[in-house]
Amino acid sequence: MAGFERRPAPAADTRPAAVAVVIAERDGAQGIWLMKRPATMRRHAAQYALPGGRLDPGEDAITAGLRELHEELGIELDASSVIGLLDDYRTRSGFVMTPIVCWADDAFEPVPNPDEVAQIFFVTFDELGVEPRFLTIPQSPRPVIQLPIVGALVHAPTAAVIYQFAEVVLRERHTRVDGFEQPVFAWS
């Protein structure tokens, strides 16, 4: 993350949110945690997501991302675990997501909150080396990004954040993702 200059997005007419990209080690491999939301959720049901959510009053992105990580996966990290921030991503559902990248020194096993997590996946750095797919849709001139990981297709905004993480952190390429679209089902 050293030398990466993140781009904040204008927050007008949006709600601030944060997601946590947690670098961890499991069975000798490094990777990140990804989850699938329950089908019963009011917003973003059955979608793949990084731990995160909206900022509470008085919170900044780091505080909110770490709080959401603890609430959703039972992982408690402090601000010293944050190694940097990726670019903000404006979602079609009215949020500006700030991705925080964290380093988890200690081995831990997540304890997913069943109200917010249907499945959890540990995605290794090797698995993050997949080629993204870019789709054209009639509703937008921007390409929809998909990542073929965890036996499924993960879409933006999660795919955009993970792709930028892989490009910036693993490949040392300062890649921007604000030009990637979300699928229409995620627009509300």
C-alpha atoms as a PDB file:
ATOM      1  CA  MET A   1       0.000   0.000   0.000  1.00  0.00           C
ATOM      2  CA  ALA A   2       3.038   2.247   0.327  1.00  0.00           C
ATOM      3  CA  GLY A   3       2.966   4.894  -2.349  1.00  0.00           C
ATOM      4  CA  PHE A   4      -0.651   4.258  -3.355  1.00  0.00           C
ATOM      5  CA  GLU A   5      -2.625   7.498  -3.449  1.00  0.00           C
ATOM      6  CA  ARG A   6      -6.254   6.630  -2.928  1.00  0.00           C
ATOM      7  CA  ARG A   7      -9.049   8.590  -4.537  1.00  0.00           C
ATOM      8  CA  PRO A   8     -11.913   9.671  -2.336  1.00  0.00           C
ATOM      9  CA  ALA A   9     -15.307  10.022  -4.011  1.00  0.00           C
ATOM     10  CA  PRO A  10     -17.571  13.024  -3.562  1.00  0.00           C
ATOM     11  CA  ALA A  11     -20.081  12.185  -0.837  1.00  0.00           C
ATOM     12  CA  ALA A  12     -22.939  14.445  -1.971  1.00  0.00           C
ATOM     13  CA  ASP A  13     -26.321  12.674  -2.019  1.00  0.00           C
ATOM     14  CA  THR A  14     -24.791   9.405  -0.756  1.00  0.00           C
ATOM     15  CA  ARG A  15     -24.436   7.556   2.522  1.00  0.00           C
ATOM     16  CA  PRO A  16     -20.905   6.746   3.732  1.00  0.00           C
ATOM     17  CA  ALA A  17     -19.995   3.096   4.250  1.00  0.00           C
ATOM     18  CA  ALA A  18     -16.852   1.071   4.832  1.00  0.00           C
ATOM     19  CA  VAL A  19     -15.737  -2.469   4.058  1.00  0.00           C
ATOM     20  CA  ALA A  20     -12.806  -4.402   5.510  1.00  0.00           C
ATOM     21  CA  VAL A  21     -10.362  -6.317   3.337  1.00  0.00           C
ATOM     22  CA  VAL A  22      -8.696  -8.483   5.969  1.00  0.00           C
ATOM     23  CA  ILE A  23      -5.389 -10.123   5.084  1.00  0.00           C
ATOM     24  CA  ALA A  24      -5.021 -13.283   7.142  1.00  0.00           C
ATOM     25  CA  GLU A  25      -3.229 -16.611   7.071  1.00  0.00           C
ATOM     26  CA  ARG A  26      -4.935 -19.991   7.088  1.00  0.00           C
ATOM     27  CA  ASP A  27      -3.318 -23.377   6.619  1.00  0.00           C
ATOM     28  CA  GLY A  28      -0.071 -21.718   5.517  1.00  0.00           C
ATOM     29  CA  ALA A  29      -1.687 -19.573   2.808  1.00  0.00           C
ATOM     30  CA  GLN A  30      -2.441 -15.869   2.883  1.00  0.00           C
ATOM     31  CA  GLY A  31      -5.786 -14.571   1.708  1.00  0.00           C
ATOM     32  CA  ILE A  32      -8.833 -12.490   2.539  1.00  0.00           C
ATOM     33  CA  TRP A  33     -12.285 -13.188   4.009  1.00  0.00           C
ATOM     34  CA  LEU A  34     -15.357 -12.962   1.791  1.00  0.00           C
ATOM     35  CA  MET A  35     -18.936 -13.702   2.744  1.00  0.00           C
ATOM     36  CA  LYS A  36     -22.309 -14.277   1.168  1.00  0.00           C
ATOM     37  CA  ARG A  37     -25.241 -12.400   2.654  1.00  0.00           C
ATOM     38  CA  PRO A  38     -28.387 -14.292   3.726  1.00  0.00           C
ATOM     39  CA  ALA A  39     -31.260 -14.360   1.239  1.00  0.00           C
ATOM     40  CA  THR A  40     -33.487 -12.919   3.988  1.00  0.00           C
ATOM     41  CA  MET A  41     -31.673  -9.573   4.225  1.00  0.00           C
ATOM     42  CA  ARG A  42     -33.628  -6.456   3.314  1.00  0.00           C
ATOM     43  CA  ARG A  43     -30.731  -4.930   1.317  1.00  0.00           C
ATOM     44  CA  HIS A  44     -28.168  -6.796  -0.796  1.00  0.00           C
ATOM     45  CA  ALA A  45     -29.747 -10.196  -0.106  1.00  0.00           C
ATOM     46  CA  ALA A  46     -27.723 -13.246  -1.224  1.00  0.00           C
ATOM     47  CA  GLN A  47     -24.909 -11.026  -2.567  1.00  0.00           C
ATOM     48  CA  TYR A  48     -21.211 -11.649  -2.028  1.00  0.00           C
ATOM     49  CA  ALA A  49     -19.676  -9.004   0.195  1.00  0.00           C
ATOM     50  CA  LEU A  50     -16.737  -7.981   2.280  1.00  0.00           C
ATOM     51  CA  PRO A  51     -17.480  -7.318   5.948  1.00  0.00           C
ATOM     52  CA  GLY A  52     -18.849  -3.807   6.208  1.00  0.00           C
ATOM     53  CA  GLY A  53     -21.732  -1.423   6.288  1.00  0.00           C
ATOM     54  CA  ARG A  54     -22.770   2.166   6.786  1.00  0.00           C
ATOM     55  CA  LEU A  55     -21.004   4.547   9.119  1.00  0.00           C
ATOM     56  CA  ASP A  56     -22.760   5.330  12.382  1.00  0.00           C
ATOM     57  CA  PRO A  57     -22.937   9.001  13.456  1.00  0.00           C
ATOM     58  CA  GLY A  58     -19.496  10.225  14.526  1.00  0.00           C
ATOM     59  CA  GLU A  59     -17.595   7.320  12.938  1.00  0.00           C
ATOM     60  CA  ASP A  60     -14.899   7.468  10.308  1.00  0.00           C
ATOM     61  CA  ALA A  61     -14.370   4.712   7.740  1.00  0.00           C
ATOM     62  CA  ILE A  62     -11.728   2.885   9.779  1.00  0.00           C
ATOM     63  CA  THR A  63     -13.828   2.813  12.945  1.00  0.00           C
ATOM     64  CA  ALA A  64     -16.915   1.671  11.025  1.00  0.00           C
ATOM     65  CA  GLY A  65     -15.050  -0.986   9.021  1.00  0.00           C
ATOM     66  CA  LEU A  66     -13.496  -2.486  12.152  1.00  0.00           C
ATOM     67  CA  ARG A  67     -16.835  -2.358  14.008  1.00  0.00           C
ATOM     68  CA  GLU A  68     -18.631  -4.097  11.137  1.00  0.00           C
ATOM     69  CA  LEU A  69     -15.856  -6.716  10.923  1.00  0.00           C
ATOM     70  CA  HIS A  70     -16.403  -7.531  14.593  1.00  0.00           C
ATOM     71  CA  GLU A  71     -20.215  -7.518  14.318  1.00  0.00           C
ATOM     72  CA  GLU A  72     -20.315  -9.704  11.189  1.00  0.00           C
ATOM     73  CA  LEU A  73     -17.361 -12.086  11.597  1.00  0.00           C
ATOM     74  CA  GLY A  74     -16.475 -11.814  15.287  1.00  0.00           C
ATOM     75  CA  ILE A  75     -12.979 -10.603  14.380  1.00  0.00           C
ATOM     76  CA  GLU A  76     -11.706  -7.834  16.627  1.00  0.00           C
ATOM     77  CA  LEU A  77      -8.864  -5.734  15.245  1.00  0.00           C
ATOM     78  CA  ASP A  78      -7.755  -2.269  16.253  1.00  0.00           C
ATOM     79  CA  ALA A  79      -6.784   0.713  14.129  1.00  0.00           C
ATOM     80  CA  SER A  80      -3.097  -0.308  14.195  1.00  0.00           C
ATOM     81  CA  SER A  81      -4.021  -3.292  11.970  1.00  0.00           C
ATOM     82  CA  VAL A  82      -5.062  -0.969   9.117  1.00  0.00           C
ATOM     83  CA  ILE A  83      -2.318  -0.786   6.493  1.00  0.00           C
ATOM     84  CA  GLY A  84      -4.127   1.530   4.107  1.00  0.00           C
ATOM     85  CA  LEU A  85      -7.260   2.551   2.242  1.00  0.00           C
ATOM     86  CA  LEU A  86      -8.288   1.810  -1.331  1.00  0.00           C
ATOM     87  CA  ASP A  87     -10.307   4.104  -3.593  1.00  0.00           C
ATOM     88  CA  ASP A  88     -13.850   4.966  -2.611  1.00  0.00           C
ATOM     89  CA  TYR A  89     -16.480   3.232  -4.724  1.00  0.00           C
ATOM     90  CA  ARG A  90     -19.876   4.838  -5.394  1.00  0.00           C
ATOM     91  CA  THR A  91     -22.587   2.218  -5.436  1.00  0.00           C
ATOM     92  CA  ARG A  92     -25.828   2.347  -7.384  1.00  0.00           C
ATOM     93  CA  SER A  93     -27.693   1.808  -4.104  1.00  0.00           C
ATOM     94  CA  GLY A  94     -26.601   5.236  -2.828  1.00  0.00           C
ATOM     95  CA  PHE A  95     -23.467   4.518  -0.796  1.00  0.00           C
ATOM     96  CA  VAL A  96     -19.849   5.631  -1.033  1.00  0.00           C
ATOM     97  CA  MET A  97     -17.827   2.649   0.166  1.00  0.00           C
ATOM     98  CA  THR A  98     -14.365   3.169   1.622  1.00  0.00           C
ATOM     99  CA  PRO A  99     -12.336  -0.076   1.627  1.00  0.00           C
ATOM    100  CA  ILE A 100      -9.926  -0.409   4.541  1.00  0.00           C
ATOM    101  CA  VAL A 101      -7.124  -2.955   4.207  1.00  0.00           C
ATOM    102  CA  CYS A 102      -6.191  -4.673   7.468  1.00  0.00           C
ATOM    103  CA  TRP A 103      -3.465  -7.080   8.482  1.00  0.00           C
ATOM    104  CA  ALA A 104      -4.450  -9.737  11.026  1.00  0.00           C
ATOM    105  CA  ASP A 105      -1.302 -10.898  12.831  1.00  0.00           C
ATOM    106  CA  ASP A 106      -2.939 -13.522  14.989  1.00  0.00           C
ATOM    107  CA  ALA A 107      -4.486 -16.709  13.689  1.00  0.00           C
ATOM    108  CA  PHE A 108      -8.235 -16.633  14.247  1.00  0.00           C
ATOM    109  CA  GLU A 109     -11.326 -18.431  13.116  1.00  0.00           C
ATOM    110  CA  PRO A 110     -14.208 -16.121  12.241  1.00  0.00           C
ATOM    111  CA  VAL A 111     -17.503 -16.561  14.061  1.00  0.00           C
ATOM    112  CA  PRO A 112     -20.058 -15.375  11.499  1.00  0.00           C
ATOM    113  CA  ASN A 113     -23.204 -13.617  12.681  1.00  0.00           C
ATOM    114  CA  PRO A 114     -26.018 -15.679  11.076  1.00  0.00           C
ATOM    115  CA  ASP A 115     -28.211 -12.566  10.739  1.00  0.00           C
ATOM    116  CA  GLU A 116     -25.649 -11.041   8.357  1.00  0.00           C
ATOM    117  CA  VAL A 117     -23.625 -13.963   6.973  1.00  0.00           C
ATOM    118  CA  ALA A 118     -24.959 -17.051   5.183  1.00  0.00           C
ATOM    119  CA  GLN A 119     -21.537 -18.379   4.114  1.00  0.00           C
ATOM    120  CA  ILE A 120     -17.931 -17.396   4.650  1.00  0.00           C
ATOM    121  CA  PHE A 121     -15.006 -18.020   2.322  1.00  0.00           C
ATOM    122  CA  PHE A 122     -11.250 -17.705   2.733  1.00  0.00           C
ATOM    123  CA  VAL A 123      -9.973 -16.616  -0.691  1.00  0.00           C
ATOM    124  CA  THR A 124      -6.233 -17.189  -1.072  1.00  0.00           C
ATOM    125  CA  PHE A 125      -3.952 -14.788  -2.872  1.00  0.00           C
ATOM    126  CA  ASP A 126      -3.481 -17.450  -5.569  1.00  0.00           C
ATOM    127  CA  GLU A 127      -7.241 -17.536  -6.126  1.00  0.00           C
ATOM    128  CA  LEU A 128      -7.274 -13.736  -6.432  1.00  0.00           C
ATOM    129  CA  GLY A 129      -5.045 -14.070  -9.496  1.00  0.00           C
ATOM    130  CA  VAL A 130      -8.054 -14.866 -11.705  1.00  0.00           C
ATOM    131  CA  GLU A 131      -8.794 -12.798 -14.772  1.00  0.00           C
ATOM    132  CA  PRO A 132     -11.832 -10.593 -14.250  1.00  0.00           C
ATOM    133  CA  ARG A 133     -14.737 -10.698 -16.673  1.00  0.00           C
ATOM    134  CA  PHE A 134     -16.145  -7.510 -18.148  1.00  0.00           C
ATOM    135  CA  LEU A 135     -19.729  -7.485 -19.409  1.00  0.00           C
ATOM    136  CA  THR A 136     -21.555  -4.970 -21.527  1.00  0.00           C
ATOM    137  CA  ILE A 137     -25.086  -4.084 -20.462  1.00  0.00           C
ATOM    138  CA  PRO A 138     -27.566  -1.846 -22.291  1.00  0.00           C
ATOM    139  CA  GLN A 139     -28.268   0.202 -19.138  1.00  0.00           C
ATOM    140  CA  SER A 140     -24.739   1.632 -18.852  1.00  0.00           C
ATOM    141  CA  PRO A 141     -21.732   2.525 -21.002  1.00  0.00           C
ATOM    142  CA  ARG A 142     -19.434   1.232 -18.225  1.00  0.00           C
ATOM    143  CA  PRO A 143     -18.448  -2.461 -18.119  1.00  0.00           C
ATOM    144  CA  VAL A 144     -19.769  -4.656 -15.306  1.00  0.00           C
ATOM    145  CA  ILE A 145     -16.863  -6.380 -13.539  1.00  0.00           C
ATOM    146  CA  GLN A 146     -17.179  -9.970 -12.335  1.00  0.00           C
ATOM    147  CA  LEU A 147     -14.614 -12.149 -10.566  1.00  0.00           C
ATOM    148  CA  PRO A 148     -14.932 -15.937 -10.976  1.00  0.00           C
ATOM    149  CA  ILE A 149     -14.035 -16.962  -7.406  1.00  0.00           C
ATOM    150  CA  VAL A 150     -15.542 -19.154  -4.659  1.00  0.00           C
ATOM    151  CA  GLY A 151     -17.335 -21.244  -7.296  1.00  0.00           C
ATOM    152  CA  ALA A 152     -19.457 -18.269  -8.329  1.00  0.00           C
ATOM    153  CA  LEU A 153     -19.343 -14.912 -10.070  1.00  0.00           C
ATOM    154  CA  VAL A 154     -18.749 -12.072  -7.625  1.00  0.00           C
ATOM    155  CA  HIS A 155     -19.932  -8.695  -8.984  1.00  0.00           C
ATOM    156  CA  ALA A 156     -19.124  -5.075  -8.218  1.00  0.00           C
ATOM    157  CA  PRO A 157     -18.948  -3.352  -5.869  1.00  0.00           C
ATOM    158  CA  THR A 158     -17.278  -6.285  -4.080  1.00  0.00           C
ATOM    159  CA  ALA A 159     -15.538  -7.471  -7.263  1.00  0.00           C
ATOM    160  CA  ALA A 160     -14.230  -3.961  -7.941  1.00  0.00           C
ATOM    161  CA  VAL A 161     -12.775  -3.643  -4.428  1.00  0.00           C
ATOM    162  CA  ILE A 162     -11.194  -7.121  -4.516  1.00  0.00           C
ATOM    163  CA  TYR A 163      -9.799  -6.488  -8.005  1.00  0.00           C
ATOM    164  CA  GLN A 164      -8.242  -3.204  -6.894  1.00  0.00           C
ATOM    165  CA  PHE A 165      -6.805  -4.910  -3.796  1.00  0.00           C
ATOM    166  CA  ALA A 166      -5.226  -7.627  -5.954  1.00  0.00           C
ATOM    167  CA  GLU A 167      -3.848  -5.089  -8.415  1.00  0.00           C
ATOM    168  CA  VAL A 168      -2.474  -2.645  -5.820  1.00  0.00           C
ATOM    169  CA  VAL A 169      -1.327  -4.978  -3.054  1.00  0.00           C
ATOM    170  CA  LEU A 170      -0.426  -8.212  -4.830  1.00  0.00           C
ATOM    171  CA  ARG A 171       0.737  -6.928  -8.233  1.00  0.00           C
ATOM    172  CA  GLU A 172       1.898  -3.418  -7.235  1.00  0.00           C
ATOM    173  CA  ARG A 173      -0.149  -1.823 -10.044  1.00  0.00           C
ATOM    174  CA  HIS A 174      -1.999   1.353  -9.125  1.00  0.00           C
ATOM    175  CA  THR A 175      -5.239   0.404 -10.844  1.00  0.00           C
ATOM    176  CA  ARG A 176      -8.451   2.443 -10.584  1.00  0.00           C
ATOM    177  CA  VAL A 177     -11.894   0.812 -10.467  1.00  0.00           C
ATOM    178  CA  ASP A 178     -14.349   3.722 -10.433  1.00  0.00           C
ATOM    179  CA  GLY A 179     -15.132   3.077 -14.103  1.00  0.00           C
ATOM    180  CA  PHE A 180     -16.594  -0.362 -13.385  1.00  0.00           C
ATOM    181  CA  GLU A 181     -20.339  -0.838 -13.244  1.00  0.00           C
ATOM    182  CA  GLN A 182     -22.482  -2.994 -11.007  1.00  0.00           C
ATOM    183  CA  PRO A 183     -25.067  -5.465 -12.344  1.00  0.00           C
ATOM    184  CA  VAL A 184     -28.590  -4.097 -12.596  1.00  0.00           C
ATOM    185  CA  PHE A 185     -29.842  -6.298  -9.718  1.00  0.00           C
ATOM    186  CA  ALA A 186     -27.551  -4.334  -7.348  1.00  0.00           C
ATOM    187  CA  TRP A 187     -28.856  -0.903  -8.365  1.00  0.00           C
ATOM    188  CA  SER A 188     -31.495  -0.666  -5.650  1.00  0.00           C
END
